[in-house]
Amino acid sequence: MAHKKGVGSSRNGRDSNPQYRGVKKFGGEFVRAGGIIIRQCGTKVHPGKNVGLGRDYTIFSLVDGVVEFSPKDKRRTKVSVTPLAVVADAIAAD
């Protein structure tokens, strides 16, 4: 008769590390070049201007600037980074 051992507590107790996914920098926030904006599974949010896409679908900034979320089409969202120089010019013009 085949029986499974009933004890086996030493065989349990494994777990994987948490992934901490989600939005790290929201719209209007300042981000440095290389800073992570979103950690995600798949392209829930698509990359826009001045933004890169990592191999694990992490969206990160390519320039220092301000994060901006906008619709890409009816069902997709994209995230872009407006460079600091452009933001400074817009503030100076006001």
PDB file of N, CA and C in Angstrom:
ATOM      1  N   MET A   1       0.838  -1.182   0.000  1.00  0.00           N
ATOM      2  CA  MET A   1       0.000   0.000   0.000  1.00  0.00           C
ATOM      3  C   MET A   1       0.879   1.240   0.000  1.00  0.00           C
ATOM      4  N   ALA A   2       0.525   2.177  -0.870  1.00  0.00           N
ATOM      5  CA  ALA A   2       1.269   3.436  -0.933  1.00  0.00           C
ATOM      6  C   ALA A   2       0.661   4.429   0.036  1.00  0.00           C
ATOM      7  N   HIS A   3       1.512   4.964   0.910  1.00  0.00           N
ATOM      8  CA  HIS A   3       1.033   5.953   1.874  1.00  0.00           C
ATOM      9  C   HIS A   3       1.934   7.176   1.835  1.00  0.00           C
ATOM     10  N   LYS A   4       1.315   8.342   1.990  1.00  0.00           N
ATOM     11  CA  LYS A   4       2.072   9.597   2.116  1.00  0.00           C
ATOM     12  C   LYS A   4       2.402   9.790   3.587  1.00  0.00           C
ATOM     13  N   LYS A   5       3.601  10.236   3.872  1.00  0.00           N
ATOM     14  CA  LYS A   5       3.955  10.486   5.265  1.00  0.00           C
ATOM     15  C   LYS A   5       3.085  11.615   5.806  1.00  0.00           C
ATOM     16  N   GLY A   6       2.633  11.455   7.006  1.00  0.00           N
ATOM     17  CA  GLY A   6       1.724  12.441   7.583  1.00  0.00           C
ATOM     18  C   GLY A   6       2.422  13.648   8.180  1.00  0.00           C
ATOM     19  N   VAL A   7       3.701  13.552   8.484  1.00  0.00           N
ATOM     20  CA  VAL A   7       4.384  14.625   9.206  1.00  0.00           C
ATOM     21  C   VAL A   7       4.843  15.694   8.210  1.00  0.00           C
ATOM     22  N   GLY A   8       6.003  15.601   7.686  1.00  0.00           N
ATOM     23  CA  GLY A   8       6.482  16.418   6.561  1.00  0.00           C
ATOM     24  C   GLY A   8       6.528  17.918   6.750  1.00  0.00           C
ATOM     25  N   SER A   9       6.600  18.415   7.976  1.00  0.00           N
ATOM     26  CA  SER A   9       6.625  19.866   8.156  1.00  0.00           C
ATOM     27  C   SER A   9       7.928  20.474   7.628  1.00  0.00           C
ATOM     28  N   SER A  10       8.989  19.691   7.597  1.00  0.00           N
ATOM     29  CA  SER A  10      10.256  20.219   7.099  1.00  0.00           C
ATOM     30  C   SER A  10      10.226  20.373   5.579  1.00  0.00           C
ATOM     31  N   ARG A  11       9.271  19.747   4.918  1.00  0.00           N
ATOM     32  CA  ARG A  11       9.158  19.888   3.462  1.00  0.00           C
ATOM     33  C   ARG A  11       8.332  21.111   3.077  1.00  0.00           C
ATOM     34  N   ASN A  12       7.639  21.681   4.042  1.00  0.00           N
ATOM     35  CA  ASN A  12       6.851  22.884   3.771  1.00  0.00           C
ATOM     36  C   ASN A  12       7.694  24.114   4.061  1.00  0.00           C
ATOM     37  N   GLY A  13       7.073  25.275   4.062  1.00  0.00           N
ATOM     38  CA  GLY A  13       7.761  26.484   4.490  1.00  0.00           C
ATOM     39  C   GLY A  13       8.500  27.241   3.411  1.00  0.00           C
ATOM     40  N   ARG A  14       8.195  27.005   2.151  1.00  0.00           N
ATOM     41  CA  ARG A  14       8.810  27.791   1.079  1.00  0.00           C
ATOM     42  C   ARG A  14       7.821  28.857   0.618  1.00  0.00           C
ATOM     43  N   ASP A  15       8.368  29.960   0.153  1.00  0.00           N
ATOM     44  CA  ASP A  15       7.530  31.009  -0.412  1.00  0.00           C
ATOM     45  C   ASP A  15       8.402  31.854  -1.318  1.00  0.00           C
ATOM     46  N   SER A  16       7.782  32.501  -2.293  1.00  0.00           N
ATOM     47  CA  SER A  16       8.537  33.375  -3.183  1.00  0.00           C
ATOM     48  C   SER A  16       8.469  34.807  -2.660  1.00  0.00           C
ATOM     49  N   ASN A  17       9.436  35.610  -3.066  1.00  0.00           N
ATOM     50  CA  ASN A  17       9.482  36.996  -2.624  1.00  0.00           C
ATOM     51  C   ASN A  17       8.362  37.789  -3.277  1.00  0.00           C
ATOM     52  N   PRO A  18       7.827  38.812  -2.598  1.00  0.00           N
ATOM     53  CA  PRO A  18       6.766  39.633  -3.184  1.00  0.00           C
ATOM     54  C   PRO A  18       7.303  40.471  -4.345  1.00  0.00           C
ATOM     55  N   GLN A  19       6.443  40.778  -5.283  1.00  0.00           N
ATOM     56  CA  GLN A  19       6.862  41.496  -6.485  1.00  0.00           C
ATOM     57  C   GLN A  19       6.668  43.011  -6.385  1.00  0.00           C
ATOM     58  N   TYR A  20       5.793  43.479  -5.509  1.00  0.00           N
ATOM     59  CA  TYR A  20       5.542  44.904  -5.309  1.00  0.00           C
ATOM     60  C   TYR A  20       5.197  45.615  -6.613  1.00  0.00           C
ATOM     61  N   ARG A  21       4.189  45.120  -7.286  1.00  0.00           N
ATOM     62  CA  ARG A  21       3.774  45.726  -8.548  1.00  0.00           C
ATOM     63  C   ARG A  21       2.857  46.922  -8.295  1.00  0.00           C
ATOM     64  N   GLY A  22       2.686  47.749  -9.315  1.00  0.00           N
ATOM     65  CA  GLY A  22       1.781  48.887  -9.214  1.00  0.00           C
ATOM     66  C   GLY A  22       2.440  50.167  -9.685  1.00  0.00           C
ATOM     67  N   VAL A  23       1.690  51.263  -9.564  1.00  0.00           N
ATOM     68  CA  VAL A  23       2.176  52.575  -9.977  1.00  0.00           C
ATOM     69  C   VAL A  23       3.077  53.127  -8.878  1.00  0.00           C
ATOM     70  N   LYS A  24       4.293  53.504  -9.246  1.00  0.00           N
ATOM     71  CA  LYS A  24       5.248  54.046  -8.288  1.00  0.00           C
ATOM     72  C   LYS A  24       5.280  55.573  -8.326  1.00  0.00           C
ATOM     73  N   LYS A  25       5.050  56.152  -9.501  1.00  0.00           N
ATOM     74  CA  LYS A  25       4.986  57.611  -9.654  1.00  0.00           C
ATOM     75  C   LYS A  25       3.686  57.941 -10.387  1.00  0.00           C
ATOM     76  N   PHE A  26       2.861  58.777  -9.780  1.00  0.00           N
ATOM     77  CA  PHE A  26       1.562  59.119 -10.360  1.00  0.00           C
ATOM     78  C   PHE A  26       1.667  60.354 -11.243  1.00  0.00           C
ATOM     79  N   GLY A  27       0.602  60.668 -11.965  1.00  0.00           N
ATOM     80  CA  GLY A  27       0.576  61.823 -12.859  1.00  0.00           C
ATOM     81  C   GLY A  27       0.881  63.109 -12.111  1.00  0.00           C
ATOM     82  N   GLY A  28       1.745  63.942 -12.692  1.00  0.00           N
ATOM     83  CA  GLY A  28       2.110  65.207 -12.070  1.00  0.00           C
ATOM     84  C   GLY A  28       3.314  65.115 -11.158  1.00  0.00           C
ATOM     85  N   GLU A  29       3.775  63.912 -10.863  1.00  0.00           N
ATOM     86  CA  GLU A  29       4.935  63.750  -9.991  1.00  0.00           C
ATOM     87  C   GLU A  29       6.228  63.863 -10.781  1.00  0.00           C
ATOM     88  N   PHE A  30       7.275  64.357 -10.118  1.00  0.00           N
ATOM     89  CA  PHE A  30       8.603  64.447 -10.718  1.00  0.00           C
ATOM     90  C   PHE A  30       9.274  63.080 -10.686  1.00  0.00           C
ATOM     91  N   VAL A  31       9.972  62.733 -11.770  1.00  0.00           N
ATOM     92  CA  VAL A  31      10.707  61.473 -11.830  1.00  0.00           C
ATOM     93  C   VAL A  31      12.082  61.735 -12.451  1.00  0.00           C
ATOM     94  N   ARG A  32      13.083  61.064 -11.929  1.00  0.00           N
ATOM     95  CA  ARG A  32      14.435  61.176 -12.480  1.00  0.00           C
ATOM     96  C   ARG A  32      14.613  60.186 -13.626  1.00  0.00           C
ATOM     97  N   ALA A  33      15.599  60.425 -14.468  1.00  0.00           N
ATOM     98  CA  ALA A  33      15.925  59.501 -15.553  1.00  0.00           C
ATOM     99  C   ALA A  33      16.293  58.152 -14.954  1.00  0.00           C
ATOM    100  N   GLY A  34      15.693  57.089 -15.451  1.00  0.00           N
ATOM    101  CA  GLY A  34      15.935  55.751 -14.933  1.00  0.00           C
ATOM    102  C   GLY A  34      15.004  55.363 -13.802  1.00  0.00           C
ATOM    103  N   GLY A  35      14.204  56.312 -13.330  1.00  0.00           N
ATOM    104  CA  GLY A  35      13.283  56.034 -12.236  1.00  0.00           C
ATOM    105  C   GLY A  35      12.100  55.196 -12.696  1.00  0.00           C
ATOM    106  N   ILE A  36      11.677  54.270 -11.849  1.00  0.00           N
ATOM    107  CA  ILE A  36      10.562  53.387 -12.199  1.00  0.00           C
ATOM    108  C   ILE A  36       9.250  54.126 -12.005  1.00  0.00           C
ATOM    109  N   ILE A  37       8.390  54.054 -13.026  1.00  0.00           N
ATOM    110  CA  ILE A  37       7.067  54.682 -12.959  1.00  0.00           C
ATOM    111  C   ILE A  37       6.017  53.629 -12.626  1.00  0.00           C
ATOM    112  N   ILE A  38       6.060  52.483 -13.325  1.00  0.00           N
ATOM    113  CA  ILE A  38       5.084  51.406 -13.086  1.00  0.00           C
ATOM    114  C   ILE A  38       5.782  50.060 -13.149  1.00  0.00           C
ATOM    115  N   ARG A  39       5.423  49.166 -12.209  1.00  0.00           N
ATOM    116  CA  ARG A  39       5.810  47.747 -12.294  1.00  0.00           C
ATOM    117  C   ARG A  39       4.528  46.995 -12.577  1.00  0.00           C
ATOM    118  N   GLN A  40       4.511  46.185 -13.641  1.00  0.00           N
ATOM    119  CA  GLN A  40       3.265  45.549 -14.065  1.00  0.00           C
ATOM    120  C   GLN A  40       3.516  44.190 -14.696  1.00  0.00           C
ATOM    121  N   CYS A  41       2.448  43.393 -14.793  1.00  0.00           N
ATOM    122  CA  CYS A  41       2.452  42.124 -15.521  1.00  0.00           C
ATOM    123  C   CYS A  41       1.838  42.392 -16.884  1.00  0.00           C
ATOM    124  N   GLY A  42       2.630  42.322 -17.934  1.00  0.00           N
ATOM    125  CA  GLY A  42       2.101  42.636 -19.260  1.00  0.00           C
ATOM    126  C   GLY A  42       1.946  44.132 -19.420  1.00  0.00           C
ATOM    127  N   THR A  43       1.539  44.575 -20.616  1.00  0.00           N
ATOM    128  CA  THR A  43       1.413  46.012 -20.868  1.00  0.00           C
ATOM    129  C   THR A  43       0.000  46.489 -20.558  1.00  0.00           C
ATOM    130  N   LYS A  44      -0.324  46.564 -19.271  1.00  0.00           N
ATOM    131  CA  LYS A  44      -1.594  47.172 -18.863  1.00  0.00           C
ATOM    132  C   LYS A  44      -1.561  48.652 -19.228  1.00  0.00           C
ATOM    133  N   VAL A  45      -0.405  49.283 -19.025  1.00  0.00           N
ATOM    134  CA  VAL A  45      -0.172  50.668 -19.417  1.00  0.00           C
ATOM    135  C   VAL A  45       0.963  50.648 -20.435  1.00  0.00           C
ATOM    136  N   HIS A  46       0.788  51.381 -21.535  1.00  0.00           N
ATOM    137  CA  HIS A  46       1.762  51.370 -22.622  1.00  0.00           C
ATOM    138  C   HIS A  46       2.733  52.542 -22.491  1.00  0.00           C
ATOM    139  N   PRO A  47       3.967  52.385 -22.985  1.00  0.00           N
ATOM    140  CA  PRO A  47       4.936  53.474 -22.906  1.00  0.00           C
ATOM    141  C   PRO A  47       4.666  54.551 -23.949  1.00  0.00           C
ATOM    142  N   GLY A  48       4.891  55.804 -23.563  1.00  0.00           N
ATOM    143  CA  GLY A  48       4.750  56.946 -24.478  1.00  0.00           C
ATOM    144  C   GLY A  48       6.105  57.584 -24.713  1.00  0.00           C
ATOM    145  N   LYS A  49       6.121  58.924 -24.791  1.00  0.00           N
ATOM    146  CA  LYS A  49       7.364  59.650 -25.064  1.00  0.00           C
ATOM    147  C   LYS A  49       8.252  59.705 -23.827  1.00  0.00           C
ATOM    148  N   ASN A  50       9.550  59.598 -24.061  1.00  0.00           N
ATOM    149  CA  ASN A  50      10.580  59.693 -23.013  1.00  0.00           C
ATOM    150  C   ASN A  50      10.431  58.634 -21.932  1.00  0.00           C
ATOM    151  N   VAL A  51       9.908  57.462 -22.330  1.00  0.00           N
ATOM    152  CA  VAL A  51       9.665  56.370 -21.392  1.00  0.00           C
ATOM    153  C   VAL A  51      10.151  55.076 -22.039  1.00  0.00           C
ATOM    154  N   GLY A  52      10.760  54.186 -21.250  1.00  0.00           N
ATOM    155  CA  GLY A  52      11.219  52.897 -21.751  1.00  0.00           C
ATOM    156  C   GLY A  52      10.410  51.760 -21.148  1.00  0.00           C
ATOM    157  N   LEU A  53      10.480  50.589 -21.808  1.00  0.00           N
ATOM    158  CA  LEU A  53       9.769  49.401 -21.347  1.00  0.00           C
ATOM    159  C   LEU A  53      10.794  48.308 -21.084  1.00  0.00           C
ATOM    160  N   GLY A  54      10.890  47.869 -19.822  1.00  0.00           N
ATOM    161  CA  GLY A  54      11.826  46.820 -19.448  1.00  0.00           C
ATOM    162  C   GLY A  54      11.338  45.455 -19.893  1.00  0.00           C
ATOM    163  N   ARG A  55      12.201  44.455 -19.780  1.00  0.00           N
ATOM    164  CA  ARG A  55      11.835  43.118 -20.243  1.00  0.00           C
ATOM    165  C   ARG A  55      10.774  42.474 -19.364  1.00  0.00           C
ATOM    166  N   ASP A  56      10.609  42.974 -18.138  1.00  0.00           N
ATOM    167  CA  ASP A  56       9.525  42.486 -17.272  1.00  0.00           C
ATOM    168  C   ASP A  56       8.342  43.462 -17.298  1.00  0.00           C
ATOM    169  N   TYR A  57       8.265  44.293 -18.346  1.00  0.00           N
ATOM    170  CA  TYR A  57       7.186  45.262 -18.587  1.00  0.00           C
ATOM    171  C   TYR A  57       7.205  46.431 -17.612  1.00  0.00           C
ATOM    172  N   THR A  58       8.310  46.624 -16.911  1.00  0.00           N
ATOM    173  CA  THR A  58       8.455  47.794 -16.056  1.00  0.00           C
ATOM    174  C   THR A  58       8.603  49.028 -16.932  1.00  0.00           C
ATOM    175  N   ILE A  59       7.829  50.057 -16.642  1.00  0.00           N
ATOM    176  CA  ILE A  59       7.936  51.324 -17.370  1.00  0.00           C
ATOM    177  C   ILE A  59       8.812  52.262 -16.559  1.00  0.00           C
ATOM    178  N   PHE A  60       9.840  52.822 -17.216  1.00  0.00           N
ATOM    179  CA  PHE A  60      10.795  53.693 -16.529  1.00  0.00           C
ATOM    180  C   PHE A  60      11.053  54.942 -17.352  1.00  0.00           C
ATOM    181  N   SER A  61      11.512  55.988 -16.690  1.00  0.00           N
ATOM    182  CA  SER A  61      11.752  57.275 -17.340  1.00  0.00           C
ATOM    183  C   SER A  61      13.109  57.290 -18.037  1.00  0.00           C
ATOM    184  N   LEU A  62      13.164  57.926 -19.192  1.00  0.00           N
ATOM    185  CA  LEU A  62      14.422  58.093 -19.919  1.00  0.00           C
ATOM    186  C   LEU A  62      15.032  59.474 -19.676  1.00  0.00           C
ATOM    187  N   VAL A  63      14.229  60.420 -19.169  1.00  0.00           N
ATOM    188  CA  VAL A  63      14.691  61.784 -18.895  1.00  0.00           C
ATOM    189  C   VAL A  63      14.130  62.239 -17.545  1.00  0.00           C
ATOM    190  N   ASP A  64      14.749  63.276 -16.967  1.00  0.00           N
ATOM    191  CA  ASP A  64      14.168  63.918 -15.786  1.00  0.00           C
ATOM    192  C   ASP A  64      12.942  64.697 -16.241  1.00  0.00           C
ATOM    193  N   GLY A  65      11.852  64.583 -15.495  1.00  0.00           N
ATOM    194  CA  GLY A  65      10.655  65.321 -15.892  1.00  0.00           C
ATOM    195  C   GLY A  65       9.448  64.977 -15.046  1.00  0.00           C
ATOM    196  N   VAL A  66       8.271  65.288 -15.594  1.00  0.00           N
ATOM    197  CA  VAL A  66       7.000  65.118 -14.898  1.00  0.00           C
ATOM    198  C   VAL A  66       6.196  64.018 -15.589  1.00  0.00           C
ATOM    199  N   VAL A  67       5.640  63.108 -14.804  1.00  0.00           N
ATOM    200  CA  VAL A  67       4.865  61.974 -15.322  1.00  0.00           C
ATOM    201  C   VAL A  67       3.501  62.459 -15.801  1.00  0.00           C
ATOM    202  N   GLU A  68       3.055  61.886 -16.917  1.00  0.00           N
ATOM    203  CA  GLU A  68       1.756  62.259 -17.484  1.00  0.00           C
ATOM    204  C   GLU A  68       1.068  61.012 -18.046  1.00  0.00           C
ATOM    205  N   PHE A  69      -0.123  60.720 -17.551  1.00  0.00           N
ATOM    206  CA  PHE A  69      -0.929  59.614 -18.058  1.00  0.00           C
ATOM    207  C   PHE A  69      -1.948  60.169 -19.034  1.00  0.00           C
ATOM    208  N   SER A  70      -2.189  59.444 -20.140  1.00  0.00           N
ATOM    209  CA  SER A  70      -3.183  59.883 -21.122  1.00  0.00           C
ATOM    210  C   SER A  70      -3.739  58.665 -21.851  1.00  0.00           C
ATOM    211  N   PRO A  71      -4.942  58.790 -22.435  1.00  0.00           N
ATOM    212  CA  PRO A  71      -5.487  57.656 -23.185  1.00  0.00           C
ATOM    213  C   PRO A  71      -4.739  57.458 -24.500  1.00  0.00           C
ATOM    214  N   LYS A  72      -4.431  56.198 -24.813  1.00  0.00           N
ATOM    215  CA  LYS A  72      -3.776  55.866 -26.085  1.00  0.00           C
ATOM    216  C   LYS A  72      -4.844  55.649 -27.153  1.00  0.00           C
ATOM    217  N   ASP A  73      -5.882  54.927 -26.800  1.00  0.00           N
ATOM    218  CA  ASP A  73      -7.072  54.773 -27.627  1.00  0.00           C
ATOM    219  C   ASP A  73      -8.230  54.462 -26.684  1.00  0.00           C
ATOM    220  N   LYS A  74      -9.295  53.858 -27.186  1.00  0.00           N
ATOM    221  CA  LYS A  74     -10.491  53.662 -26.358  1.00  0.00           C
ATOM    222  C   LYS A  74     -10.247  52.823 -25.111  1.00  0.00           C
ATOM    223  N   ARG A  75      -9.356  51.837 -25.204  1.00  0.00           N
ATOM    224  CA  ARG A  75      -9.196  50.938 -24.069  1.00  0.00           C
ATOM    225  C   ARG A  75      -7.776  50.831 -23.532  1.00  0.00           C
ATOM    226  N   ARG A  76      -6.888  51.665 -24.026  1.00  0.00           N
ATOM    227  CA  ARG A  76      -5.498  51.613 -23.565  1.00  0.00           C
ATOM    228  C   ARG A  76      -5.066  52.947 -22.981  1.00  0.00           C
ATOM    229  N   THR A  77      -4.174  52.855 -22.003  1.00  0.00           N
ATOM    230  CA  THR A  77      -3.592  54.052 -21.377  1.00  0.00           C
ATOM    231  C   THR A  77      -2.106  54.067 -21.677  1.00  0.00           C
ATOM    232  N   LYS A  78      -1.573  55.259 -21.884  1.00  0.00           N
ATOM    233  CA  LYS A  78      -0.122  55.377 -22.066  1.00  0.00           C
ATOM    234  C   LYS A  78       0.413  56.354 -21.035  1.00  0.00           C
ATOM    235  N   VAL A  79       1.685  56.204 -20.726  1.00  0.00           N
ATOM    236  CA  VAL A  79       2.351  57.104 -19.791  1.00  0.00           C
ATOM    237  C   VAL A  79       3.552  57.718 -20.498  1.00  0.00           C
ATOM    238  N   SER A  80       3.704  59.029 -20.324  1.00  0.00           N
ATOM    239  CA  SER A  80       4.818  59.758 -20.913  1.00  0.00           C
ATOM    240  C   SER A  80       5.490  60.586 -19.826  1.00  0.00           C
ATOM    241  N   VAL A  81       6.681  61.083 -20.151  1.00  0.00           N
ATOM    242  CA  VAL A  81       7.372  61.997 -19.242  1.00  0.00           C
ATOM    243  C   VAL A  81       7.663  63.276 -20.004  1.00  0.00           C
ATOM    244  N   THR A  82       7.168  64.399 -19.462  1.00  0.00           N
ATOM    245  CA  THR A  82       7.447  65.705 -20.043  1.00  0.00           C
ATOM    246  C   THR A  82       8.759  66.205 -19.458  1.00  0.00           C
ATOM    247  N   PRO A  83       9.764  66.497 -20.317  1.00  0.00           N
ATOM    248  CA  PRO A  83      11.076  66.916 -19.797  1.00  0.00           C
ATOM    249  C   PRO A  83      10.986  68.186 -18.955  1.00  0.00           C
ATOM    250  N   LEU A  84      11.909  68.340 -18.022  1.00  0.00           N
ATOM    251  CA  LEU A  84      11.914  69.494 -17.122  1.00  0.00           C
ATOM    252  C   LEU A  84      12.030  70.818 -17.864  1.00  0.00           C
ATOM    253  N   ALA A  85      12.799  70.849 -18.939  1.00  0.00           N
ATOM    254  CA  ALA A  85      12.976  72.089 -19.694  1.00  0.00           C
ATOM    255  C   ALA A  85      11.634  72.580 -20.243  1.00  0.00           C
ATOM    256  N   VAL A  86      10.825  71.665 -20.745  1.00  0.00           N
ATOM    257  CA  VAL A  86       9.510  72.016 -21.296  1.00  0.00           C
ATOM    258  C   VAL A  86       8.588  72.503 -20.185  1.00  0.00           C
ATOM    259  N   VAL A  87       8.637  71.825 -19.032  1.00  0.00           N
ATOM    260  CA  VAL A  87       7.803  72.211 -17.887  1.00  0.00           C
ATOM    261  C   VAL A  87       8.211  73.590 -17.383  1.00  0.00           C
ATOM    262  N   ALA A  88       9.512  73.848 -17.301  1.00  0.00           N
ATOM    263  CA  ALA A  88      10.008  75.147 -16.830  1.00  0.00           C
ATOM    264  C   ALA A  88       9.598  76.265 -17.778  1.00  0.00           C
ATOM    265  N   ASP A  89       9.657  76.025 -19.095  1.00  0.00           N
ATOM    266  CA  ASP A  89       9.234  77.026 -20.082  1.00  0.00           C
ATOM    267  C   ASP A  89       7.749  77.327 -19.952  1.00  0.00           C
ATOM    268  N   ALA A  90       6.939  76.294 -19.717  1.00  0.00           N
ATOM    269  CA  ALA A  90       5.495  76.480 -19.588  1.00  0.00           C
ATOM    270  C   ALA A  90       5.165  77.290 -18.331  1.00  0.00           C
ATOM    271  N   ILE A  91       5.903  77.044 -17.239  1.00  0.00           N
ATOM    272  CA  ILE A  91       5.673  77.795 -15.997  1.00  0.00           C
ATOM    273  C   ILE A  91       6.113  79.245 -16.173  1.00  0.00           C
ATOM    274  N   ALA A  92       7.241  79.457 -16.861  1.00  0.00           N
ATOM    275  CA  ALA A  92       7.751  80.809 -17.078  1.00  0.00           C
ATOM    276  C   ALA A  92       6.817  81.621 -17.978  1.00  0.00           C
ATOM    277  N   ALA A  93       6.145  80.948 -18.915  1.00  0.00           N
ATOM    278  CA  ALA A  93       5.240  81.638 -19.840  1.00  0.00           C
ATOM    279  C   ALA A  93       3.977  82.129 -19.135  1.00  0.00           C
ATOM    280  N   ASP A  94       3.603  81.461 -18.035  1.00  0.00           N
ATOM    281  CA  ASP A  94       2.371  81.850 -17.317  1.00  0.00           C
ATOM    282  C   ASP A  94       2.537  83.041 -16.467  1.00  0.00           C
TER     283      ASP A  94
END
